[in-house]
Amino acid sequence: MTERKPPGVDFESWVDKQIRDADARGEFERLEGAGRPLPPEVESTYDELWWVKRKMVREGMSVLPPTLALRKEAEDALEAALAAPSERIVRKILADVNAKISDMMFKPPPGPPLGKKPYDVEDVVRRWRERRAASDGPGGRGGSDA
């Protein structure tokens, strides 16, 4: 709708006419949720950003300060590295997350302090080897493909 309200026409009448015209054109017929009640609100108090929160949930987004998001990513990366199928992948996972941690350490924090330092790759590789050897048991693979 790009037309403006004509001067001298009551705003409410003009809006009602716009709605009637759109309804006559069938623009309200195939709307999502048409004919169904609105979903009940979980919160009892009005939140003016309810639609933003609902869209974020629908699209799988989250709003964490960058430092907290990186903390979570670093923890996930460590778990992924310790469960990786090869030493080369362990090193790649840690190199990627360490680069992000180092980058964040030299920027002014946009949120809470990061509280992380880059992982010691050799220490994690050693832990990965120990886990691998323990899970393979005697005579198992336990090899590496550095």
N, C-alpha and C. Protein backbone atom coordinates (compact mmCIF):
# COMPACT_ATOMS: atom_id res chain seq x y z
N MET A 1 0.85 -1.17 0.00
CA MET A 1 0.00 0.00 0.00
C MET A 1 0.90 1.23 0.00
N THR A 2 0.80 2.02 -1.06
CA THR A 2 1.66 3.20 -1.15
C THR A 2 0.86 4.49 -1.17
N GLU A 3 -0.46 4.39 -1.34
CA GLU A 3 -1.21 5.63 -1.41
C GLU A 3 -1.33 6.28 -0.04
N ARG A 4 -1.43 7.59 -0.08
CA ARG A 4 -1.54 8.36 1.16
C ARG A 4 -3.01 8.65 1.46
N LYS A 5 -3.25 8.94 2.71
CA LYS A 5 -4.60 9.32 3.13
C LYS A 5 -4.91 10.68 2.52
N PRO A 6 -6.04 10.77 1.84
CA PRO A 6 -6.40 12.08 1.25
C PRO A 6 -6.71 13.09 2.35
N PRO A 7 -6.38 14.32 2.11
CA PRO A 7 -6.69 15.35 3.12
C PRO A 7 -8.21 15.46 3.31
N GLY A 8 -8.59 15.70 4.53
CA GLY A 8 -10.00 15.90 4.86
C GLY A 8 -10.76 14.60 5.10
N VAL A 9 -10.14 13.43 4.88
CA VAL A 9 -10.82 12.16 5.13
C VAL A 9 -10.41 11.69 6.51
N ASP A 10 -11.40 11.27 7.27
CA ASP A 10 -11.14 10.77 8.61
C ASP A 10 -10.20 9.57 8.52
N PHE A 11 -9.18 9.54 9.37
CA PHE A 11 -8.17 8.47 9.31
C PHE A 11 -8.80 7.10 9.48
N GLU A 12 -9.70 6.96 10.45
CA GLU A 12 -10.32 5.66 10.69
C GLU A 12 -11.12 5.20 9.48
N SER A 13 -11.86 6.10 8.86
CA SER A 13 -12.63 5.74 7.67
C SER A 13 -11.71 5.31 6.54
N TRP A 14 -10.62 6.00 6.38
CA TRP A 14 -9.67 5.69 5.31
C TRP A 14 -9.05 4.30 5.53
N VAL A 15 -8.66 4.00 6.76
CA VAL A 15 -8.09 2.69 7.08
C VAL A 15 -9.12 1.59 6.86
N ASP A 16 -10.35 1.83 7.31
CA ASP A 16 -11.42 0.84 7.11
C ASP A 16 -11.62 0.57 5.63
N LYS A 17 -11.56 1.60 4.81
CA LYS A 17 -11.73 1.43 3.36
C LYS A 17 -10.57 0.61 2.79
N GLN A 18 -9.36 0.86 3.25
CA GLN A 18 -8.21 0.09 2.77
C GLN A 18 -8.38 -1.39 3.10
N ILE A 19 -8.87 -1.67 4.31
CA ILE A 19 -9.08 -3.06 4.73
C ILE A 19 -10.18 -3.70 3.88
N ARG A 20 -11.29 -2.99 3.69
CA ARG A 20 -12.39 -3.53 2.88
C ARG A 20 -11.92 -3.82 1.45
N ASP A 21 -11.16 -2.90 0.86
CA ASP A 21 -10.65 -3.09 -0.50
C ASP A 21 -9.73 -4.30 -0.58
N ALA A 22 -8.83 -4.45 0.39
CA ALA A 22 -7.91 -5.61 0.40
C ALA A 22 -8.69 -6.90 0.57
N ASP A 23 -9.71 -6.87 1.40
CA ASP A 23 -10.54 -8.05 1.61
C ASP A 23 -11.27 -8.41 0.32
N ALA A 24 -11.77 -7.41 -0.40
CA ALA A 24 -12.47 -7.64 -1.67
C ALA A 24 -11.52 -8.23 -2.71
N ARG A 25 -10.25 -7.84 -2.67
CA ARG A 25 -9.25 -8.39 -3.60
C ARG A 25 -8.80 -9.79 -3.18
N GLY A 26 -9.22 -10.24 -2.00
CA GLY A 26 -8.86 -11.59 -1.54
C GLY A 26 -7.48 -11.67 -0.90
N GLU A 27 -6.93 -10.56 -0.45
CA GLU A 27 -5.58 -10.56 0.10
C GLU A 27 -5.50 -11.18 1.50
N PHE A 28 -6.63 -11.43 2.13
CA PHE A 28 -6.61 -12.01 3.47
C PHE A 28 -6.97 -13.50 3.47
N GLU A 29 -7.18 -14.07 2.30
CA GLU A 29 -7.70 -15.43 2.22
C GLU A 29 -6.66 -16.51 2.52
N ARG A 30 -5.44 -16.32 2.14
CA ARG A 30 -4.44 -17.38 2.30
C ARG A 30 -3.35 -17.00 3.31
N LEU A 31 -3.72 -16.34 4.34
CA LEU A 31 -2.75 -15.96 5.37
C LEU A 31 -2.44 -17.16 6.25
N GLU A 32 -1.21 -17.22 6.73
CA GLU A 32 -0.81 -18.30 7.64
C GLU A 32 -1.67 -18.23 8.90
N GLY A 33 -2.24 -19.35 9.28
CA GLY A 33 -3.05 -19.41 10.49
C GLY A 33 -4.47 -18.93 10.31
N ALA A 34 -4.89 -18.68 9.08
CA ALA A 34 -6.24 -18.17 8.84
C ALA A 34 -7.27 -19.17 9.38
N GLY A 35 -8.25 -18.67 10.09
CA GLY A 35 -9.32 -19.50 10.62
C GLY A 35 -8.98 -20.21 11.91
N ARG A 36 -7.78 -20.01 12.41
CA ARG A 36 -7.38 -20.65 13.67
C ARG A 36 -7.16 -19.57 14.72
N PRO A 37 -7.37 -19.92 15.99
CA PRO A 37 -7.13 -18.92 17.03
C PRO A 37 -5.64 -18.63 17.16
N LEU A 38 -5.34 -17.47 17.68
CA LEU A 38 -3.94 -17.12 17.93
C LEU A 38 -3.39 -18.05 19.00
N PRO A 39 -2.09 -18.42 18.89
CA PRO A 39 -1.53 -19.30 19.93
C PRO A 39 -1.50 -18.57 21.27
N PRO A 40 -1.74 -19.31 22.35
CA PRO A 40 -1.75 -18.65 23.67
C PRO A 40 -0.35 -18.15 24.02
N GLU A 41 -0.32 -17.03 24.66
CA GLU A 41 0.95 -16.46 25.10
C GLU A 41 1.37 -17.14 26.39
N VAL A 42 2.64 -17.49 26.48
CA VAL A 42 3.16 -18.14 27.67
C VAL A 42 3.29 -17.10 28.79
N GLU A 43 3.74 -15.92 28.41
CA GLU A 43 3.93 -14.87 29.41
C GLU A 43 2.62 -14.12 29.62
N SER A 44 2.37 -13.74 30.85
CA SER A 44 1.13 -13.03 31.13
C SER A 44 1.28 -11.52 30.95
N THR A 45 2.52 -11.01 30.98
CA THR A 45 2.71 -9.58 30.80
C THR A 45 3.03 -9.29 29.34
N TYR A 46 2.67 -8.12 28.88
CA TYR A 46 2.88 -7.74 27.49
C TYR A 46 4.36 -7.48 27.26
N ASP A 47 4.86 -8.01 26.16
CA ASP A 47 6.25 -7.80 25.77
C ASP A 47 6.22 -7.23 24.36
N GLU A 48 6.67 -6.00 24.20
CA GLU A 48 6.57 -5.38 22.88
C GLU A 48 7.49 -6.01 21.85
N LEU A 49 8.43 -6.84 22.26
CA LEU A 49 9.31 -7.53 21.31
C LEU A 49 8.92 -9.00 21.13
N TRP A 50 7.67 -9.34 21.45
CA TRP A 50 7.22 -10.73 21.34
C TRP A 50 7.44 -11.28 19.94
N TRP A 51 7.18 -10.47 18.94
CA TRP A 51 7.29 -10.93 17.55
C TRP A 51 8.74 -11.18 17.16
N VAL A 52 9.68 -10.40 17.71
CA VAL A 52 11.10 -10.61 17.42
C VAL A 52 11.55 -11.93 18.05
N LYS A 53 11.14 -12.15 19.29
CA LYS A 53 11.51 -13.39 19.98
C LYS A 53 10.94 -14.61 19.27
N ARG A 54 9.69 -14.51 18.83
CA ARG A 54 9.06 -15.63 18.14
C ARG A 54 9.78 -15.92 16.83
N LYS A 55 10.15 -14.87 16.09
CA LYS A 55 10.87 -15.06 14.82
C LYS A 55 12.24 -15.68 15.07
N MET A 56 12.91 -15.26 16.12
CA MET A 56 14.23 -15.82 16.43
C MET A 56 14.12 -17.31 16.75
N VAL A 57 13.09 -17.69 17.50
CA VAL A 57 12.88 -19.11 17.81
C VAL A 57 12.60 -19.87 16.53
N ARG A 58 11.74 -19.31 15.69
CA ARG A 58 11.35 -19.96 14.44
C ARG A 58 12.57 -20.16 13.53
N GLU A 59 13.51 -19.22 13.54
CA GLU A 59 14.66 -19.30 12.65
C GLU A 59 15.90 -19.86 13.34
N GLY A 60 15.75 -20.31 14.57
CA GLY A 60 16.86 -20.95 15.27
C GLY A 60 17.98 -20.00 15.66
N MET A 61 17.65 -18.76 15.89
CA MET A 61 18.68 -17.77 16.25
C MET A 61 18.74 -17.62 17.77
N SER A 62 19.89 -17.15 18.24
CA SER A 62 19.98 -16.83 19.66
C SER A 62 20.77 -15.54 19.79
N VAL A 63 20.54 -14.88 20.88
CA VAL A 63 21.24 -13.63 21.11
C VAL A 63 22.10 -13.79 22.35
N LEU A 64 23.34 -14.06 22.13
CA LEU A 64 24.32 -14.12 23.21
C LEU A 64 25.38 -13.09 22.90
N PRO A 65 25.93 -12.47 23.91
CA PRO A 65 27.06 -11.60 23.64
C PRO A 65 28.15 -12.42 22.94
N PRO A 66 28.91 -11.82 22.04
CA PRO A 66 29.92 -12.57 21.28
C PRO A 66 30.88 -13.37 22.15
N THR A 67 31.25 -12.83 23.31
CA THR A 67 32.19 -13.57 24.16
C THR A 67 31.55 -14.84 24.71
N LEU A 68 30.27 -14.77 25.11
CA LEU A 68 29.61 -15.96 25.62
C LEU A 68 29.38 -16.98 24.51
N ALA A 69 29.04 -16.49 23.31
CA ALA A 69 28.86 -17.40 22.17
C ALA A 69 30.18 -18.11 21.86
N LEU A 70 31.30 -17.38 21.95
CA LEU A 70 32.61 -17.99 21.68
C LEU A 70 32.99 -18.97 22.78
N ARG A 71 32.63 -18.67 24.02
CA ARG A 71 32.89 -19.64 25.10
C ARG A 71 32.21 -20.97 24.79
N LYS A 72 30.95 -20.89 24.41
CA LYS A 72 30.18 -22.09 24.08
C LYS A 72 30.80 -22.80 22.88
N GLU A 73 31.17 -22.03 21.87
CA GLU A 73 31.79 -22.62 20.68
C GLU A 73 33.11 -23.30 21.04
N ALA A 74 33.90 -22.69 21.94
CA ALA A 74 35.18 -23.27 22.35
C ALA A 74 34.96 -24.58 23.11
N GLU A 75 33.96 -24.60 23.99
CA GLU A 75 33.67 -25.84 24.72
C GLU A 75 33.23 -26.95 23.77
N ASP A 76 32.37 -26.58 22.81
CA ASP A 76 31.92 -27.55 21.82
C ASP A 76 33.08 -28.04 20.95
N ALA A 77 33.98 -27.12 20.61
CA ALA A 77 35.14 -27.49 19.79
C ALA A 77 36.05 -28.46 20.53
N LEU A 78 36.24 -28.24 21.83
CA LEU A 78 37.09 -29.14 22.61
C LEU A 78 36.47 -30.54 22.63
N GLU A 79 35.16 -30.62 22.87
CA GLU A 79 34.48 -31.91 22.85
C GLU A 79 34.62 -32.58 21.49
N ALA A 80 34.43 -31.79 20.44
CA ALA A 80 34.53 -32.34 19.08
C ALA A 80 35.96 -32.81 18.80
N ALA A 81 36.95 -32.06 19.28
CA ALA A 81 38.35 -32.45 19.06
C ALA A 81 38.66 -33.75 19.79
N LEU A 82 38.18 -33.87 21.01
CA LEU A 82 38.46 -35.10 21.77
C LEU A 82 37.74 -36.31 21.19
N ALA A 83 36.68 -36.08 20.42
CA ALA A 83 35.95 -37.19 19.81
C ALA A 83 36.28 -37.36 18.32
N ALA A 84 37.22 -36.58 17.81
CA ALA A 84 37.54 -36.60 16.38
C ALA A 84 38.14 -37.94 15.96
N PRO A 85 37.94 -38.32 14.71
CA PRO A 85 38.44 -39.61 14.23
C PRO A 85 39.93 -39.62 13.88
N SER A 86 40.55 -38.45 13.74
CA SER A 86 41.97 -38.45 13.40
C SER A 86 42.68 -37.25 14.04
N GLU A 87 43.97 -37.38 14.20
CA GLU A 87 44.77 -36.31 14.80
C GLU A 87 44.74 -35.06 13.93
N ARG A 88 44.72 -35.25 12.61
CA ARG A 88 44.67 -34.11 11.70
C ARG A 88 43.41 -33.28 11.95
N ILE A 89 42.28 -33.95 12.17
CA ILE A 89 41.02 -33.24 12.43
C ILE A 89 41.06 -32.56 13.80
N VAL A 90 41.67 -33.21 14.79
CA VAL A 90 41.83 -32.60 16.12
C VAL A 90 42.57 -31.28 15.97
N ARG A 91 43.68 -31.30 15.26
CA ARG A 91 44.49 -30.09 15.07
C ARG A 91 43.72 -29.01 14.30
N LYS A 92 42.95 -29.40 13.31
CA LYS A 92 42.18 -28.43 12.52
C LYS A 92 41.11 -27.76 13.38
N ILE A 93 40.36 -28.56 14.14
CA ILE A 93 39.31 -28.01 15.01
C ILE A 93 39.91 -27.00 15.99
N LEU A 94 41.03 -27.39 16.62
CA LEU A 94 41.65 -26.51 17.61
C LEU A 94 42.26 -25.27 16.97
N ALA A 95 42.85 -25.41 15.80
CA ALA A 95 43.42 -24.24 15.12
C ALA A 95 42.33 -23.22 14.81
N ASP A 96 41.19 -23.70 14.35
CA ASP A 96 40.09 -22.79 14.01
C ASP A 96 39.57 -22.05 15.24
N VAL A 97 39.31 -22.79 16.33
CA VAL A 97 38.76 -22.13 17.52
C VAL A 97 39.82 -21.26 18.20
N ASN A 98 41.08 -21.68 18.18
CA ASN A 98 42.14 -20.86 18.77
C ASN A 98 42.29 -19.54 18.04
N ALA A 99 42.12 -19.55 16.73
CA ALA A 99 42.21 -18.29 15.96
C ALA A 99 41.10 -17.33 16.41
N LYS A 100 39.89 -17.86 16.62
CA LYS A 100 38.78 -17.02 17.06
C LYS A 100 39.02 -16.50 18.48
N ILE A 101 39.54 -17.37 19.35
CA ILE A 101 39.81 -16.95 20.74
C ILE A 101 40.88 -15.87 20.75
N SER A 102 41.97 -16.08 20.00
CA SER A 102 43.05 -15.08 19.95
C SER A 102 42.54 -13.76 19.42
N ASP A 103 41.71 -13.81 18.39
CA ASP A 103 41.15 -12.59 17.83
C ASP A 103 40.31 -11.86 18.86
N MET A 104 39.50 -12.59 19.61
CA MET A 104 38.64 -11.97 20.62
C MET A 104 39.45 -11.40 21.79
N MET A 105 40.59 -12.04 22.10
CA MET A 105 41.40 -11.58 23.22
C MET A 105 41.98 -10.18 22.97
N PHE A 106 42.16 -9.82 21.70
CA PHE A 106 42.79 -8.55 21.39
C PHE A 106 41.81 -7.47 20.97
N LYS A 107 40.53 -7.74 21.17
CA LYS A 107 39.50 -6.75 20.90
C LYS A 107 38.91 -6.31 22.23
N PRO A 108 38.41 -5.09 22.31
CA PRO A 108 37.71 -4.72 23.53
C PRO A 108 36.45 -5.57 23.64
N PRO A 109 36.17 -6.13 24.81
CA PRO A 109 35.03 -7.03 24.92
C PRO A 109 33.70 -6.31 24.76
N PRO A 110 32.81 -6.81 23.87
CA PRO A 110 31.50 -6.21 23.71
C PRO A 110 30.52 -6.66 24.79
N GLY A 111 30.90 -7.63 25.57
CA GLY A 111 30.04 -8.15 26.63
C GLY A 111 30.90 -8.56 27.79
N PRO A 112 30.51 -9.61 28.50
CA PRO A 112 31.34 -10.08 29.62
C PRO A 112 32.70 -10.55 29.11
N PRO A 113 33.71 -10.53 29.96
CA PRO A 113 35.03 -10.99 29.54
C PRO A 113 34.97 -12.43 29.04
N LEU A 114 35.79 -12.76 28.06
CA LEU A 114 35.78 -14.08 27.45
C LEU A 114 36.17 -15.16 28.46
N GLY A 115 37.23 -14.94 29.22
CA GLY A 115 37.64 -15.92 30.22
C GLY A 115 38.18 -17.20 29.60
N LYS A 116 38.66 -17.13 28.40
CA LYS A 116 39.24 -18.29 27.73
C LYS A 116 40.57 -17.88 27.14
N LYS A 117 41.46 -18.84 27.05
CA LYS A 117 42.70 -18.61 26.31
C LYS A 117 42.80 -19.74 25.30
N PRO A 118 43.62 -19.57 24.28
CA PRO A 118 43.72 -20.63 23.28
C PRO A 118 44.12 -21.96 23.91
N TYR A 119 43.59 -23.04 23.34
CA TYR A 119 43.92 -24.36 23.84
C TYR A 119 45.35 -24.72 23.49
N ASP A 120 45.98 -25.50 24.36
CA ASP A 120 47.30 -26.06 24.07
C ASP A 120 47.07 -27.26 23.17
N VAL A 121 47.35 -27.11 21.89
CA VAL A 121 47.04 -28.15 20.92
C VAL A 121 47.73 -29.46 21.28
N GLU A 122 49.00 -29.40 21.67
CA GLU A 122 49.73 -30.63 21.98
C GLU A 122 49.11 -31.35 23.18
N ASP A 123 48.65 -30.58 24.18
CA ASP A 123 48.01 -31.19 25.34
C ASP A 123 46.71 -31.88 24.94
N VAL A 124 45.89 -31.22 24.10
CA VAL A 124 44.63 -31.83 23.68
C VAL A 124 44.90 -33.05 22.79
N VAL A 125 45.90 -32.97 21.93
CA VAL A 125 46.26 -34.13 21.10
C VAL A 125 46.69 -35.30 21.98
N ARG A 126 47.47 -35.00 23.04
CA ARG A 126 47.88 -36.05 23.97
C ARG A 126 46.66 -36.68 24.62
N ARG A 127 45.69 -35.85 25.08
CA ARG A 127 44.47 -36.37 25.69
C ARG A 127 43.66 -37.19 24.68
N TRP A 128 43.62 -36.70 23.43
CA TRP A 128 42.90 -37.41 22.38
C TRP A 128 43.52 -38.80 22.17
N ARG A 129 44.87 -38.85 22.12
CA ARG A 129 45.57 -40.13 21.94
C ARG A 129 45.26 -41.08 23.09
N GLU A 130 45.25 -40.54 24.33
CA GLU A 130 44.97 -41.38 25.50
C GLU A 130 43.55 -41.95 25.43
N ARG A 131 42.59 -41.12 25.07
CA ARG A 131 41.21 -41.59 24.93
C ARG A 131 41.11 -42.65 23.84
N ARG A 132 41.77 -42.38 22.75
CA ARG A 132 41.74 -43.30 21.60
C ARG A 132 42.33 -44.66 21.99
N ALA A 133 43.46 -44.60 22.69
CA ALA A 133 44.12 -45.84 23.10
C ALA A 133 43.23 -46.60 24.09
N ALA A 134 42.59 -45.89 25.00
CA ALA A 134 41.73 -46.53 26.00
C ALA A 134 40.50 -47.16 25.34
N SER A 135 39.93 -46.49 24.32
CA SER A 135 38.72 -47.03 23.69
C SER A 135 39.03 -48.14 22.70
N ASP A 136 40.24 -48.15 22.14
CA ASP A 136 40.61 -49.19 21.18
C ASP A 136 40.96 -50.49 21.90
N GLY A 137 41.40 -50.37 23.13
CA GLY A 137 41.78 -51.55 23.89
C GLY A 137 43.09 -52.15 23.37
N PRO A 138 43.50 -53.27 23.95
CA PRO A 138 44.75 -53.88 23.51
C PRO A 138 44.63 -54.40 22.08
N GLY A 139 45.64 -54.11 21.29
CA GLY A 139 45.69 -54.58 19.92
C GLY A 139 44.79 -53.77 18.99
N GLY A 140 44.22 -52.65 19.45
CA GLY A 140 43.34 -51.83 18.61
C GLY A 140 44.14 -50.94 17.68
N ARG A 141 43.42 -50.15 16.87
CA ARG A 141 44.07 -49.27 15.90
C ARG A 141 44.98 -48.27 16.57
N GLY A 142 44.33 -47.27 17.21
CA GLY A 142 45.06 -46.28 17.98
C GLY A 142 46.07 -45.47 17.19
N GLY A 143 46.04 -45.55 15.88
CA GLY A 143 47.02 -44.83 15.08
C GLY A 143 46.69 -43.37 14.92
N SER A 144 47.58 -42.67 14.27
CA SER A 144 47.33 -41.24 14.01
C SER A 144 47.63 -40.99 12.55
N ASP A 145 47.02 -39.94 12.01
CA ASP A 145 47.30 -39.56 10.63
C ASP A 145 47.67 -38.09 10.58
N ALA A 146 48.68 -37.72 11.37
CA ALA A 146 49.12 -36.34 11.45
C ALA A 146 49.35 -35.82 10.08
